[in-house]
Amino acid sequence: GKIVSTEALTHDIVKMVVEADRPVKFVAGQYATFRTPDMHGRGRNYSFADAPIRTGSKTLAFFVRKVPGGRFTEALFAGTLTGQTLVVEAPHGSFRLRPGEAEMICIAGGSGLAPLISVLEDMRKRRVRRPCRLLFGARTQADLYALEQIDGLRASWLDTFTFVPVLSHEPADSDWKGARGWV
């Protein structure tokens, strides 16, 4: 596959879009492993950030947090990986929605929002009716992202959907009226 675009979501998280050479089938919540020629076999794992398509998709989205000094993310954020051929191994992992009717409690922080967005978008697409509470931890208001997408989920959800952003390092004198602390 090749990275075809990146979009800054926060100062240290980007949405990375990869075009695969063939359709990739995955279950909402799973992840892919990426390798570049200079990674000497070591891969980097990133969760799918979109709902799966039954027949597979060649266009794949991921949320990636910059790791200072990280070979892959430093190159990604510098733009030197765009257009470069990558080895993409997928799907991996067993995180997925389990059947049930009880309220779902979804907890994410930073780029960990990706697999939950994948699961929630898939549920919306399949019209699953189940209450959901999404807790999203970030440092400051500037570290919150995908808020329009989450609001779209909430607005079209077939049951109760509660979104609770929680900030751990928001200045005390800011205009933030929401939850503070650690998720």
N, C-alpha and C. Protein backbone atom coordinates (compact mmCIF):
# COMPACT_ATOMS: atom_id res chain seq x y z
N GLY A 1 0.83 -1.19 0.00
CA GLY A 1 0.00 0.00 0.00
C GLY A 1 0.87 1.24 0.00
N LYS A 2 0.19 2.40 -0.17
CA LYS A 2 0.88 3.69 -0.14
C LYS A 2 0.06 4.68 0.68
N ILE A 3 0.76 5.52 1.43
CA ILE A 3 0.09 6.60 2.14
C ILE A 3 -0.26 7.65 1.08
N VAL A 4 -1.57 7.94 0.97
CA VAL A 4 -1.99 8.90 -0.04
C VAL A 4 -2.30 10.27 0.56
N SER A 5 -2.55 10.31 1.89
CA SER A 5 -2.77 11.62 2.51
C SER A 5 -2.63 11.52 4.02
N THR A 6 -2.35 12.67 4.60
CA THR A 6 -2.39 12.82 6.05
C THR A 6 -3.13 14.12 6.34
N GLU A 7 -3.89 14.11 7.43
CA GLU A 7 -4.64 15.29 7.86
C GLU A 7 -4.38 15.50 9.34
N ALA A 8 -3.89 16.67 9.69
CA ALA A 8 -3.64 16.97 11.10
C ALA A 8 -4.97 17.06 11.84
N LEU A 9 -5.10 16.25 12.91
CA LEU A 9 -6.29 16.29 13.76
C LEU A 9 -6.01 17.08 15.03
N THR A 10 -4.79 16.96 15.54
CA THR A 10 -4.29 17.75 16.68
C THR A 10 -2.82 18.03 16.38
N HIS A 11 -2.12 18.63 17.35
CA HIS A 11 -0.70 18.90 17.11
C HIS A 11 0.14 17.61 17.03
N ASP A 12 -0.37 16.50 17.57
CA ASP A 12 0.41 15.26 17.55
C ASP A 12 -0.36 14.03 17.08
N ILE A 13 -1.51 14.23 16.44
CA ILE A 13 -2.28 13.12 15.87
C ILE A 13 -2.69 13.49 14.46
N VAL A 14 -2.46 12.56 13.53
CA VAL A 14 -2.90 12.74 12.15
C VAL A 14 -3.83 11.60 11.75
N LYS A 15 -4.68 11.90 10.78
CA LYS A 15 -5.44 10.86 10.11
C LYS A 15 -4.61 10.47 8.90
N MET A 16 -4.19 9.22 8.84
CA MET A 16 -3.38 8.70 7.75
C MET A 16 -4.29 7.86 6.86
N VAL A 17 -4.31 8.17 5.56
CA VAL A 17 -5.10 7.40 4.61
C VAL A 17 -4.14 6.62 3.72
N VAL A 18 -4.38 5.31 3.65
CA VAL A 18 -3.53 4.40 2.89
C VAL A 18 -4.36 3.78 1.77
N GLU A 19 -3.79 3.74 0.59
CA GLU A 19 -4.42 3.06 -0.54
C GLU A 19 -3.70 1.72 -0.70
N ALA A 20 -4.45 0.63 -0.47
CA ALA A 20 -3.88 -0.71 -0.57
C ALA A 20 -3.93 -1.18 -2.02
N ASP A 21 -3.08 -2.14 -2.35
CA ASP A 21 -3.06 -2.65 -3.73
C ASP A 21 -4.21 -3.62 -4.01
N ARG A 22 -4.91 -4.03 -2.96
CA ARG A 22 -6.10 -4.89 -3.11
C ARG A 22 -7.03 -4.64 -1.93
N PRO A 23 -8.30 -4.98 -2.06
CA PRO A 23 -9.24 -4.74 -0.96
C PRO A 23 -8.84 -5.49 0.32
N VAL A 24 -8.97 -4.79 1.44
CA VAL A 24 -8.68 -5.38 2.75
C VAL A 24 -10.00 -5.56 3.49
N LYS A 25 -10.24 -6.79 3.95
CA LYS A 25 -11.42 -7.07 4.75
C LYS A 25 -10.98 -7.10 6.21
N PHE A 26 -11.76 -6.43 7.07
CA PHE A 26 -11.46 -6.42 8.49
C PHE A 26 -12.75 -6.31 9.27
N VAL A 27 -12.66 -6.61 10.55
CA VAL A 27 -13.78 -6.45 11.48
C VAL A 27 -13.53 -5.16 12.24
N ALA A 28 -14.60 -4.39 12.46
CA ALA A 28 -14.47 -3.13 13.20
C ALA A 28 -13.78 -3.41 14.53
N GLY A 29 -12.70 -2.65 14.79
CA GLY A 29 -11.92 -2.81 16.02
C GLY A 29 -10.55 -3.43 15.77
N GLN A 30 -10.33 -4.00 14.60
CA GLN A 30 -9.04 -4.64 14.31
C GLN A 30 -7.99 -3.61 13.90
N TYR A 31 -6.76 -4.08 13.67
CA TYR A 31 -5.65 -3.20 13.31
C TYR A 31 -4.82 -3.78 12.18
N ALA A 32 -3.96 -2.95 11.63
CA ALA A 32 -3.03 -3.34 10.57
C ALA A 32 -1.61 -3.07 11.05
N THR A 33 -0.67 -3.82 10.50
CA THR A 33 0.75 -3.62 10.76
C THR A 33 1.40 -3.04 9.51
N PHE A 34 2.20 -1.98 9.70
CA PHE A 34 2.89 -1.31 8.59
C PHE A 34 4.39 -1.49 8.75
N ARG A 35 5.04 -1.72 7.60
CA ARG A 35 6.50 -1.80 7.57
C ARG A 35 7.01 -0.99 6.39
N THR A 36 8.11 -0.29 6.61
CA THR A 36 8.82 0.39 5.52
C THR A 36 10.11 -0.39 5.29
N PRO A 37 10.73 -0.23 4.13
CA PRO A 37 11.97 -0.98 3.86
C PRO A 37 13.06 -0.76 4.91
N ASP A 38 13.13 0.42 5.52
CA ASP A 38 14.21 0.69 6.47
C ASP A 38 13.86 0.31 7.92
N MET A 39 12.74 -0.37 8.12
CA MET A 39 12.35 -0.74 9.49
C MET A 39 12.91 -2.09 9.91
N HIS A 40 13.64 -2.75 9.04
CA HIS A 40 14.33 -4.01 9.35
C HIS A 40 13.38 -5.04 9.98
N GLY A 41 12.20 -5.18 9.38
CA GLY A 41 11.26 -6.20 9.85
C GLY A 41 10.35 -5.77 10.98
N ARG A 42 10.70 -4.69 11.68
CA ARG A 42 9.85 -4.23 12.79
C ARG A 42 8.69 -3.44 12.22
N GLY A 43 7.50 -3.77 12.64
CA GLY A 43 6.32 -3.09 12.14
C GLY A 43 5.71 -2.18 13.19
N ARG A 44 4.80 -1.32 12.72
CA ARG A 44 4.04 -0.44 13.60
C ARG A 44 2.57 -0.77 13.41
N ASN A 45 1.86 -0.92 14.52
CA ASN A 45 0.45 -1.31 14.48
C ASN A 45 -0.45 -0.10 14.69
N TYR A 46 -1.47 0.01 13.83
CA TYR A 46 -2.45 1.09 13.93
C TYR A 46 -3.84 0.53 13.68
N SER A 47 -4.79 0.96 14.50
CA SER A 47 -6.17 0.49 14.38
C SER A 47 -6.88 1.19 13.23
N PHE A 48 -7.74 0.44 12.56
CA PHE A 48 -8.58 1.02 11.52
C PHE A 48 -9.48 2.07 12.17
N ALA A 49 -9.67 3.19 11.49
CA ALA A 49 -10.48 4.29 12.03
C ALA A 49 -11.74 4.52 11.21
N ASP A 50 -12.14 3.51 10.47
CA ASP A 50 -13.38 3.62 9.71
C ASP A 50 -14.13 2.30 9.78
N ALA A 51 -15.38 2.33 9.39
CA ALA A 51 -16.19 1.12 9.40
C ALA A 51 -15.77 0.22 8.25
N PRO A 52 -15.81 -1.08 8.48
CA PRO A 52 -15.45 -1.99 7.40
C PRO A 52 -16.52 -2.03 6.31
N ILE A 53 -16.11 -2.47 5.15
CA ILE A 53 -17.02 -2.71 4.03
C ILE A 53 -17.00 -4.21 3.78
N ARG A 54 -18.16 -4.80 3.62
CA ARG A 54 -18.29 -6.26 3.51
C ARG A 54 -17.37 -6.85 2.45
N THR A 55 -17.23 -6.18 1.32
CA THR A 55 -16.40 -6.70 0.23
C THR A 55 -14.94 -6.29 0.35
N GLY A 56 -14.60 -5.54 1.39
CA GLY A 56 -13.25 -5.04 1.58
C GLY A 56 -13.09 -3.65 0.98
N SER A 57 -12.06 -2.96 1.42
CA SER A 57 -11.80 -1.60 0.94
C SER A 57 -10.32 -1.44 0.65
N LYS A 58 -10.03 -0.72 -0.42
CA LYS A 58 -8.64 -0.41 -0.73
C LYS A 58 -8.20 0.88 -0.05
N THR A 59 -9.16 1.74 0.31
CA THR A 59 -8.84 3.00 0.99
C THR A 59 -9.08 2.81 2.48
N LEU A 60 -8.02 2.97 3.27
CA LEU A 60 -8.05 2.66 4.71
C LEU A 60 -7.59 3.87 5.51
N ALA A 61 -8.29 4.16 6.61
CA ALA A 61 -7.94 5.31 7.45
C ALA A 61 -7.47 4.85 8.82
N PHE A 62 -6.51 5.61 9.38
CA PHE A 62 -5.93 5.31 10.69
C PHE A 62 -5.65 6.63 11.40
N PHE A 63 -5.75 6.65 12.75
CA PHE A 63 -5.33 7.79 13.54
C PHE A 63 -3.96 7.43 14.12
N VAL A 64 -2.97 8.30 13.90
CA VAL A 64 -1.60 8.00 14.32
C VAL A 64 -1.08 9.14 15.18
N ARG A 65 -0.60 8.78 16.38
CA ARG A 65 0.01 9.75 17.28
C ARG A 65 1.51 9.79 17.05
N LYS A 66 2.07 10.98 17.04
CA LYS A 66 3.51 11.15 16.86
C LYS A 66 4.24 10.71 18.12
N VAL A 67 5.23 9.85 17.92
CA VAL A 67 6.10 9.41 19.01
C VAL A 67 7.43 10.12 18.80
N PRO A 68 7.80 11.03 19.71
CA PRO A 68 9.09 11.73 19.53
C PRO A 68 10.24 10.73 19.38
N GLY A 69 10.98 10.89 18.30
CA GLY A 69 12.10 9.99 18.03
C GLY A 69 11.69 8.69 17.35
N GLY A 70 10.40 8.49 17.16
CA GLY A 70 9.92 7.27 16.50
C GLY A 70 10.20 7.33 15.00
N ARG A 71 10.85 6.32 14.49
CA ARG A 71 11.27 6.32 13.08
C ARG A 71 10.06 6.47 12.15
N PHE A 72 9.01 5.70 12.37
CA PHE A 72 7.85 5.75 11.48
C PHE A 72 7.10 7.08 11.63
N THR A 73 6.77 7.47 12.86
CA THR A 73 5.94 8.67 13.02
C THR A 73 6.71 9.96 12.71
N GLU A 74 8.00 10.00 12.99
CA GLU A 74 8.77 11.19 12.61
C GLU A 74 8.74 11.37 11.09
N ALA A 75 8.91 10.28 10.34
CA ALA A 75 8.89 10.34 8.88
C ALA A 75 7.47 10.66 8.39
N LEU A 76 6.46 10.09 9.02
CA LEU A 76 5.07 10.36 8.63
C LEU A 76 4.74 11.83 8.81
N PHE A 77 5.07 12.38 9.97
CA PHE A 77 4.75 13.79 10.25
C PHE A 77 5.59 14.75 9.40
N ALA A 78 6.76 14.32 8.97
CA ALA A 78 7.60 15.15 8.09
C ALA A 78 7.15 15.06 6.63
N GLY A 79 6.26 14.11 6.34
CA GLY A 79 5.74 13.96 4.99
C GLY A 79 6.59 13.10 4.08
N THR A 80 7.65 12.50 4.59
CA THR A 80 8.54 11.71 3.72
C THR A 80 8.02 10.32 3.41
N LEU A 81 6.97 9.88 4.09
CA LEU A 81 6.39 8.56 3.78
C LEU A 81 5.28 8.63 2.73
N THR A 82 4.74 9.82 2.49
CA THR A 82 3.65 9.95 1.53
C THR A 82 4.12 9.49 0.16
N GLY A 83 3.36 8.55 -0.42
CA GLY A 83 3.69 8.00 -1.73
C GLY A 83 4.66 6.84 -1.69
N GLN A 84 5.31 6.60 -0.56
CA GLN A 84 6.26 5.50 -0.45
C GLN A 84 5.50 4.18 -0.30
N THR A 85 6.00 3.12 -0.91
CA THR A 85 5.38 1.81 -0.78
C THR A 85 5.65 1.25 0.61
N LEU A 86 4.58 0.77 1.23
CA LEU A 86 4.65 0.15 2.55
C LEU A 86 4.14 -1.28 2.46
N VAL A 87 4.63 -2.13 3.34
CA VAL A 87 4.03 -3.44 3.50
C VAL A 87 2.91 -3.28 4.52
N VAL A 88 1.71 -3.72 4.15
CA VAL A 88 0.55 -3.62 5.03
C VAL A 88 0.08 -5.04 5.30
N GLU A 89 0.11 -5.44 6.56
CA GLU A 89 -0.40 -6.75 6.96
C GLU A 89 -1.67 -6.53 7.75
N ALA A 90 -2.76 -7.17 7.30
CA ALA A 90 -4.04 -6.96 7.99
C ALA A 90 -5.01 -8.05 7.58
N PRO A 91 -5.98 -8.31 8.40
CA PRO A 91 -6.25 -7.69 9.70
C PRO A 91 -5.63 -8.49 10.83
N HIS A 92 -5.48 -7.82 11.96
CA HIS A 92 -4.99 -8.43 13.19
C HIS A 92 -5.90 -8.03 14.34
N GLY A 93 -5.88 -8.82 15.40
CA GLY A 93 -6.57 -8.46 16.63
C GLY A 93 -7.96 -9.05 16.76
N SER A 94 -8.41 -9.11 18.01
CA SER A 94 -9.72 -9.70 18.30
C SER A 94 -10.67 -8.72 18.98
N PHE A 95 -10.28 -7.44 19.08
CA PHE A 95 -11.18 -6.44 19.65
C PHE A 95 -12.33 -6.25 18.68
N ARG A 96 -13.55 -6.41 19.16
CA ARG A 96 -14.73 -6.23 18.32
C ARG A 96 -15.95 -6.12 19.21
N LEU A 97 -17.05 -5.74 18.63
CA LEU A 97 -18.32 -5.67 19.35
C LEU A 97 -18.81 -7.08 19.63
N ARG A 98 -19.13 -7.32 20.89
CA ARG A 98 -19.72 -8.61 21.28
C ARG A 98 -21.24 -8.41 21.37
N PRO A 99 -22.01 -9.45 21.07
CA PRO A 99 -23.47 -9.32 21.15
C PRO A 99 -23.91 -8.97 22.57
N GLY A 100 -25.00 -8.23 22.67
CA GLY A 100 -25.54 -7.87 23.96
C GLY A 100 -26.53 -6.75 23.83
N GLU A 101 -27.19 -6.45 24.93
CA GLU A 101 -28.16 -5.37 24.95
C GLU A 101 -27.84 -4.33 26.00
N ALA A 102 -26.90 -4.64 26.90
CA ALA A 102 -26.53 -3.71 27.96
C ALA A 102 -25.84 -2.49 27.37
N GLU A 103 -25.86 -1.40 28.14
CA GLU A 103 -25.17 -0.19 27.70
C GLU A 103 -23.69 -0.49 27.48
N MET A 104 -23.16 0.01 26.39
CA MET A 104 -21.73 -0.10 26.11
C MET A 104 -21.03 1.07 26.77
N ILE A 105 -19.92 0.80 27.42
CA ILE A 105 -19.07 1.85 27.97
C ILE A 105 -17.79 1.81 27.14
N CYS A 106 -17.57 2.84 26.33
CA CYS A 106 -16.40 2.92 25.46
C CYS A 106 -15.45 3.96 26.03
N ILE A 107 -14.19 3.57 26.22
CA ILE A 107 -13.21 4.45 26.84
C ILE A 107 -12.00 4.55 25.93
N ALA A 108 -11.62 5.79 25.58
CA ALA A 108 -10.48 6.00 24.70
C ALA A 108 -9.70 7.23 25.14
N GLY A 109 -8.45 7.26 24.74
CA GLY A 109 -7.61 8.43 24.93
C GLY A 109 -6.71 8.57 23.72
N GLY A 110 -6.48 9.79 23.28
CA GLY A 110 -5.57 10.04 22.17
C GLY A 110 -5.98 9.30 20.90
N SER A 111 -4.99 8.68 20.25
CA SER A 111 -5.26 7.95 19.01
C SER A 111 -6.01 6.65 19.25
N GLY A 112 -6.20 6.28 20.52
CA GLY A 112 -6.99 5.10 20.87
C GLY A 112 -8.46 5.24 20.53
N LEU A 113 -8.85 6.40 20.04
CA LEU A 113 -10.22 6.60 19.59
C LEU A 113 -10.49 5.82 18.30
N ALA A 114 -9.47 5.52 17.52
CA ALA A 114 -9.64 4.89 16.21
C ALA A 114 -10.47 3.60 16.25
N PRO A 115 -10.12 2.59 17.04
CA PRO A 115 -10.92 1.36 16.98
C PRO A 115 -12.35 1.56 17.47
N LEU A 116 -12.56 2.50 18.38
CA LEU A 116 -13.92 2.75 18.84
C LEU A 116 -14.74 3.45 17.76
N ILE A 117 -14.14 4.38 17.04
CA ILE A 117 -14.84 5.01 15.92
C ILE A 117 -15.20 3.95 14.89
N SER A 118 -14.29 3.03 14.61
CA SER A 118 -14.56 1.95 13.68
C SER A 118 -15.77 1.13 14.13
N VAL A 119 -15.78 0.73 15.38
CA VAL A 119 -16.88 -0.07 15.94
C VAL A 119 -18.19 0.72 15.91
N LEU A 120 -18.15 1.97 16.38
CA LEU A 120 -19.38 2.77 16.46
C LEU A 120 -19.93 3.11 15.07
N GLU A 121 -19.07 3.43 14.12
CA GLU A 121 -19.53 3.70 12.76
C GLU A 121 -20.13 2.44 12.13
N ASP A 122 -19.52 1.28 12.41
CA ASP A 122 -20.05 0.02 11.91
C ASP A 122 -21.42 -0.27 12.52
N MET A 123 -21.56 -0.01 13.83
CA MET A 123 -22.85 -0.23 14.49
C MET A 123 -23.92 0.67 13.88
N ARG A 124 -23.56 1.92 13.64
CA ARG A 124 -24.52 2.86 13.05
C ARG A 124 -24.92 2.37 11.65
N LYS A 125 -23.93 1.95 10.87
CA LYS A 125 -24.19 1.48 9.52
C LYS A 125 -25.10 0.24 9.52
N ARG A 126 -24.90 -0.64 10.49
CA ARG A 126 -25.71 -1.87 10.58
C ARG A 126 -27.00 -1.66 11.38
N ARG A 127 -27.21 -0.43 11.85
CA ARG A 127 -28.41 -0.05 12.58
C ARG A 127 -28.60 -0.87 13.87
N VAL A 128 -27.48 -1.11 14.57
CA VAL A 128 -27.53 -1.81 15.85
C VAL A 128 -28.13 -0.87 16.89
N ARG A 129 -29.09 -1.35 17.64
CA ARG A 129 -29.76 -0.54 18.67
C ARG A 129 -29.20 -0.98 20.03
N ARG A 130 -28.44 -0.07 20.66
CA ARG A 130 -27.84 -0.37 21.96
C ARG A 130 -27.38 0.94 22.58
N PRO A 131 -27.67 1.18 23.87
CA PRO A 131 -27.18 2.41 24.49
C PRO A 131 -25.66 2.43 24.55
N CYS A 132 -25.10 3.64 24.46
CA CYS A 132 -23.65 3.77 24.44
C CYS A 132 -23.23 5.02 25.20
N ARG A 133 -22.15 4.88 25.97
CA ARG A 133 -21.51 6.00 26.65
C ARG A 133 -20.05 5.99 26.22
N LEU A 134 -19.62 7.06 25.56
CA LEU A 134 -18.24 7.19 25.07
C LEU A 134 -17.50 8.21 25.92
N LEU A 135 -16.46 7.75 26.61
CA LEU A 135 -15.58 8.61 27.40
C LEU A 135 -14.29 8.78 26.61
N PHE A 136 -13.91 10.05 26.37
CA PHE A 136 -12.73 10.33 25.56
C PHE A 136 -11.80 11.23 26.35
N GLY A 137 -10.66 10.69 26.76
CA GLY A 137 -9.68 11.44 27.53
C GLY A 137 -8.68 12.14 26.64
N ALA A 138 -8.42 13.41 26.97
CA ALA A 138 -7.42 14.21 26.26
C ALA A 138 -6.76 15.14 27.27
N ARG A 139 -5.66 15.73 26.86
CA ARG A 139 -4.97 16.64 27.78
C ARG A 139 -5.71 17.97 27.88
N THR A 140 -5.94 18.62 26.74
CA THR A 140 -6.57 19.94 26.71
C THR A 140 -7.64 19.95 25.62
N GLN A 141 -8.37 21.05 25.53
CA GLN A 141 -9.38 21.19 24.47
C GLN A 141 -8.74 21.04 23.09
N ALA A 142 -7.52 21.52 22.94
CA ALA A 142 -6.83 21.44 21.66
C ALA A 142 -6.52 19.99 21.25
N ASP A 143 -6.58 19.06 22.20
CA ASP A 143 -6.29 17.65 21.92
C ASP A 143 -7.55 16.84 21.61
N LEU A 144 -8.70 17.48 21.65
CA LEU A 144 -9.95 16.80 21.26
C LEU A 144 -10.07 16.86 19.74
N TYR A 145 -10.51 15.79 19.14
CA TYR A 145 -10.70 15.74 17.69
C TYR A 145 -11.85 14.80 17.35
N ALA A 146 -12.25 14.79 16.11
CA ALA A 146 -13.36 13.96 15.60
C ALA A 146 -14.68 14.32 16.28
N LEU A 147 -14.78 15.55 16.79
CA LEU A 147 -15.98 15.95 17.51
C LEU A 147 -17.20 16.02 16.60
N GLU A 148 -17.04 16.47 15.35
CA GLU A 148 -18.17 16.50 14.42
C GLU A 148 -18.62 15.08 14.09
N GLN A 149 -17.68 14.17 13.93
CA GLN A 149 -18.02 12.78 13.64
C GLN A 149 -18.75 12.15 14.82
N ILE A 150 -18.27 12.43 16.02
CA ILE A 150 -18.92 11.90 17.22
C ILE A 150 -20.31 12.50 17.37
N ASP A 151 -20.45 13.79 17.08
CA ASP A 151 -21.77 14.42 17.15
C ASP A 151 -22.71 13.80 16.11
N GLY A 152 -22.19 13.46 14.95
CA GLY A 152 -23.00 12.78 13.93
C GLY A 152 -23.45 11.41 14.40
N LEU A 153 -22.56 10.70 15.08
CA LEU A 153 -22.94 9.40 15.66
C LEU A 153 -24.06 9.59 16.67
N ARG A 154 -23.86 10.55 17.56
CA ARG A 154 -24.86 10.81 18.60
C ARG A 154 -26.21 11.16 18.00
N ALA A 155 -26.21 12.02 16.98
CA ALA A 155 -27.45 12.49 16.38
C ALA A 155 -28.22 11.39 15.65
N SER A 156 -27.52 10.41 15.10
CA SER A 156 -28.19 9.37 14.33
C SER A 156 -28.27 8.03 15.06
N TRP A 157 -27.81 7.99 16.30
CA TRP A 157 -27.80 6.74 17.07
C TRP A 157 -29.23 6.30 17.34
N LEU A 158 -29.51 5.02 17.28
CA LEU A 158 -30.87 4.50 17.45
C LEU A 158 -31.27 4.31 18.91
N ASP A 159 -30.39 4.61 19.83
CA ASP A 159 -30.66 4.49 21.26
C ASP A 159 -29.97 5.67 21.94
N THR A 160 -29.82 5.61 23.24
CA THR A 160 -29.14 6.67 23.97
C THR A 160 -27.65 6.65 23.66
N PHE A 161 -27.10 7.82 23.33
CA PHE A 161 -25.66 7.95 23.09
C PHE A 161 -25.18 9.16 23.88
N THR A 162 -24.28 8.90 24.83
CA THR A 162 -23.74 9.96 25.68
C THR A 162 -22.25 10.08 25.41
N PHE A 163 -21.81 11.30 25.11
CA PHE A 163 -20.39 11.56 24.88
C PHE A 163 -19.85 12.41 26.02
N VAL A 164 -18.76 11.94 26.65
CA VAL A 164 -18.16 12.64 27.78
C VAL A 164 -16.67 12.85 27.50
N PRO A 165 -16.27 14.04 27.01
CA PRO A 165 -14.85 14.33 26.91
C PRO A 165 -14.31 14.71 28.29
N VAL A 166 -13.12 14.21 28.62
CA VAL A 166 -12.52 14.45 29.93
C VAL A 166 -11.11 14.98 29.72
N LEU A 167 -10.81 16.14 30.30
CA LEU A 167 -9.51 16.78 30.10
C LEU A 167 -8.65 16.68 31.36
N SER A 168 -7.41 16.28 31.18
CA SER A 168 -6.52 16.08 32.32
C SER A 168 -5.59 17.26 32.60
N HIS A 169 -5.30 18.09 31.59
CA HIS A 169 -4.34 19.17 31.77
C HIS A 169 -4.88 20.53 31.29
N GLU A 170 -6.17 20.67 31.24
CA GLU A 170 -6.77 21.94 30.81
C GLU A 170 -6.51 22.98 31.89
N PRO A 171 -6.04 24.17 31.52
CA PRO A 171 -5.79 25.21 32.53
C PRO A 171 -7.05 25.51 33.34
N ALA A 172 -6.87 25.71 34.63
CA ALA A 172 -7.99 25.95 35.54
C ALA A 172 -8.79 27.19 35.17
N ASP A 173 -8.13 28.18 34.55
CA ASP A 173 -8.82 29.43 34.21
C ASP A 173 -9.41 29.45 32.79
N SER A 174 -9.47 28.28 32.13
CA SER A 174 -10.03 28.23 30.77
C SER A 174 -11.55 28.25 30.82
N ASP A 175 -12.16 28.31 29.64
CA ASP A 175 -13.62 28.32 29.54
C ASP A 175 -14.23 26.92 29.56
N TRP A 176 -13.42 25.89 29.78
CA TRP A 176 -13.91 24.51 29.78
C TRP A 176 -14.87 24.27 30.93
N LYS A 177 -16.07 23.79 30.59
CA LYS A 177 -17.11 23.49 31.60
C LYS A 177 -17.33 21.98 31.75
N GLY A 178 -16.63 21.18 30.96
CA GLY A 178 -16.81 19.73 30.98
C GLY A 178 -16.01 19.04 32.07
N ALA A 179 -15.97 17.72 31.98
CA ALA A 179 -15.28 16.89 32.97
C ALA A 179 -13.77 17.10 32.92
N ARG A 180 -13.16 16.99 34.09
CA ARG A 180 -11.71 17.10 34.23
C ARG A 180 -11.20 15.88 34.99
N GLY A 181 -9.96 15.52 34.73
CA GLY A 181 -9.34 14.38 35.42
C GLY A 181 -8.82 13.37 34.42
N TRP A 182 -8.73 12.14 34.89
CA TRP A 182 -8.20 11.06 34.07
C TRP A 182 -9.32 10.08 33.73
N VAL A 183 -9.29 9.57 32.51
CA VAL A 183 -10.25 8.53 32.12
C VAL A 183 -9.55 7.20 32.35
